[in-house]
Amino acid sequence: MARVRHQVGIVGDINDVYRALHEPAGLVGWWATTADGTPVVGQVLDLHFSGLAKLSFRIDSLEENSLVRLAFPDPGRGRTARSNSR
């Protein structure tokens, strides 16, 4: 699987950005229609998009106000894809 990295600039309070990337309420504020899960390492977040799709992400790492690492399974290849925000 190809490695894809994105870097974007976000103007905002670091605490708010950190919460928006891994807490269900934060993810609903900018991405998903609804979200369920417990925002701690090892837990799974389920994101729902207007009844059209559900994406499940496992939280692999959290470093407060610094890093959010999410992983989701790639069932077609038996691999895990990762998303890092630092």
C-alpha atoms as a PDB file:
ATOM      1  CA  MET A   1       0.000   0.000   0.000  1.00  0.00           C
ATOM      2  CA  ALA A   2       1.318   3.443  -0.884  1.00  0.00           C
ATOM      3  CA  ARG A   3       2.098   5.805   1.965  1.00  0.00           C
ATOM      4  CA  VAL A   4       0.201   9.060   1.690  1.00  0.00           C
ATOM      5  CA  ARG A   5       0.992  12.016   3.931  1.00  0.00           C
ATOM      6  CA  HIS A   6      -0.846  15.296   4.141  1.00  0.00           C
ATOM      7  CA  GLN A   7       0.134  18.387   6.057  1.00  0.00           C
ATOM      8  CA  VAL A   8      -2.351  21.178   6.508  1.00  0.00           C
ATOM      9  CA  GLY A   9      -2.275  24.378   8.474  1.00  0.00           C
ATOM     10  CA  ILE A  10      -5.109  24.923  10.917  1.00  0.00           C
ATOM     11  CA  VAL A  11      -5.745  28.177  12.700  1.00  0.00           C
ATOM     12  CA  GLY A  12      -7.206  27.428  16.102  1.00  0.00           C
ATOM     13  CA  ASP A  13      -6.558  26.555  19.686  1.00  0.00           C
ATOM     14  CA  ILE A  14      -4.384  23.403  19.933  1.00  0.00           C
ATOM     15  CA  ASN A  15      -6.723  21.899  22.558  1.00  0.00           C
ATOM     16  CA  ASP A  16      -9.724  22.297  20.246  1.00  0.00           C
ATOM     17  CA  VAL A  17      -7.864  20.820  17.266  1.00  0.00           C
ATOM     18  CA  TYR A  18      -6.645  17.844  19.321  1.00  0.00           C
ATOM     19  CA  ARG A  19     -10.210  17.099  20.497  1.00  0.00           C
ATOM     20  CA  ALA A  20     -11.593  17.519  16.962  1.00  0.00           C
ATOM     21  CA  LEU A  21      -9.276  14.776  15.693  1.00  0.00           C
ATOM     22  CA  HIS A  22     -10.099  11.995  18.173  1.00  0.00           C
ATOM     23  CA  GLU A  23     -13.218  12.707  20.248  1.00  0.00           C
ATOM     24  CA  PRO A  24     -16.633  11.725  18.845  1.00  0.00           C
ATOM     25  CA  ALA A  25     -18.138  15.184  19.471  1.00  0.00           C
ATOM     26  CA  GLY A  26     -15.157  16.831  17.817  1.00  0.00           C
ATOM     27  CA  LEU A  27     -15.302  14.578  14.740  1.00  0.00           C
ATOM     28  CA  VAL A  28     -19.001  15.319  14.325  1.00  0.00           C
ATOM     29  CA  GLY A  29     -18.177  19.012  14.389  1.00  0.00           C
ATOM     30  CA  TRP A  30     -16.313  18.872  11.077  1.00  0.00           C
ATOM     31  CA  TRP A  31     -16.415  15.437   9.444  1.00  0.00           C
ATOM     32  CA  ALA A  32     -18.926  12.727  10.344  1.00  0.00           C
ATOM     33  CA  THR A  33     -22.691  12.982  10.786  1.00  0.00           C
ATOM     34  CA  THR A  34     -22.551  10.936  14.001  1.00  0.00           C
ATOM     35  CA  ALA A  35     -19.742   9.234  15.891  1.00  0.00           C
ATOM     36  CA  ASP A  36     -19.548   6.636  18.650  1.00  0.00           C
ATOM     37  CA  GLY A  37     -16.707   5.329  20.748  1.00  0.00           C
ATOM     38  CA  THR A  38     -14.416   6.031  23.656  1.00  0.00           C
ATOM     39  CA  PRO A  39     -11.472   8.299  22.811  1.00  0.00           C
ATOM     40  CA  VAL A  40      -8.679   6.274  24.425  1.00  0.00           C
ATOM     41  CA  VAL A  41      -5.826   4.215  22.975  1.00  0.00           C
ATOM     42  CA  GLY A  42      -6.955   0.756  21.861  1.00  0.00           C
ATOM     43  CA  GLN A  43     -10.617   1.711  21.477  1.00  0.00           C
ATOM     44  CA  VAL A  44     -12.536   1.988  18.198  1.00  0.00           C
ATOM     45  CA  LEU A  45     -14.316   5.070  16.908  1.00  0.00           C
ATOM     46  CA  ASP A  46     -17.229   4.466  14.534  1.00  0.00           C
ATOM     47  CA  LEU A  47     -17.962   7.388  12.230  1.00  0.00           C
ATOM     48  CA  HIS A  48     -21.272   7.510  10.338  1.00  0.00           C
ATOM     49  CA  PHE A  49     -21.925   9.604   7.231  1.00  0.00           C
ATOM     50  CA  SER A  50     -25.634  10.357   6.675  1.00  0.00           C
ATOM     51  CA  GLY A  51     -26.480   6.656   6.525  1.00  0.00           C
ATOM     52  CA  LEU A  52     -24.258   6.252   3.452  1.00  0.00           C
ATOM     53  CA  ALA A  53     -21.152   4.795   5.061  1.00  0.00           C
ATOM     54  CA  LYS A  54     -19.568   3.845   8.358  1.00  0.00           C
ATOM     55  CA  LEU A  55     -15.822   4.026   8.965  1.00  0.00           C
ATOM     56  CA  SER A  56     -14.242   2.434  12.009  1.00  0.00           C
ATOM     57  CA  PHE A  57     -10.890   3.656  13.294  1.00  0.00           C
ATOM     58  CA  ARG A  58      -8.804   2.163  16.083  1.00  0.00           C
ATOM     59  CA  ILE A  59      -6.916   4.701  18.193  1.00  0.00           C
ATOM     60  CA  ASP A  60      -3.283   3.563  18.169  1.00  0.00           C
ATOM     61  CA  SER A  61      -1.604   6.559  19.836  1.00  0.00           C
ATOM     62  CA  LEU A  62      -2.548   9.770  21.562  1.00  0.00           C
ATOM     63  CA  GLU A  63      -0.126  12.421  22.779  1.00  0.00           C
ATOM     64  CA  GLU A  64      -2.063  15.335  24.182  1.00  0.00           C
ATOM     65  CA  ASN A  65      -2.012  18.351  21.866  1.00  0.00           C
ATOM     66  CA  SER A  66       0.681  16.691  19.736  1.00  0.00           C
ATOM     67  CA  LEU A  67      -0.256  13.387  18.081  1.00  0.00           C
ATOM     68  CA  VAL A  68      -3.345  11.431  17.040  1.00  0.00           C
ATOM     69  CA  ARG A  69      -2.648   8.110  15.309  1.00  0.00           C
ATOM     70  CA  LEU A  70      -5.657   6.246  13.941  1.00  0.00           C
ATOM     71  CA  ALA A  71      -5.711   2.927  12.094  1.00  0.00           C
ATOM     72  CA  PHE A  72      -8.417   1.254  10.058  1.00  0.00           C
ATOM     73  CA  PRO A  73      -8.430  -2.212   8.529  1.00  0.00           C
ATOM     74  CA  ASP A  74      -8.008  -2.705   4.800  1.00  0.00           C
ATOM     75  CA  PRO A  75     -10.052  -5.915   4.467  1.00  0.00           C
ATOM     76  CA  GLY A  76      -9.230  -6.330   0.800  1.00  0.00           C
ATOM     77  CA  ARG A  77      -5.527  -6.726   1.536  1.00  0.00           C
ATOM     78  CA  GLY A  78      -5.388  -7.888   5.128  1.00  0.00           C
ATOM     79  CA  ARG A  79      -3.381  -4.810   6.112  1.00  0.00           C
ATOM     80  CA  THR A  80      -3.903  -1.881   8.404  1.00  0.00           C
ATOM     81  CA  ALA A  81      -3.870   1.667   7.116  1.00  0.00           C
ATOM     82  CA  ARG A  82      -2.822   4.422   9.481  1.00  0.00           C
ATOM     83  CA  SER A  83      -3.626   8.094   9.805  1.00  0.00           C
ATOM     84  CA  ASN A  84      -1.266  10.347  11.756  1.00  0.00           C
ATOM     85  CA  SER A  85      -1.900  13.891  12.874  1.00  0.00           C
ATOM     86  CA  ARG A  86       0.994  15.688  14.451  1.00  0.00           C
END
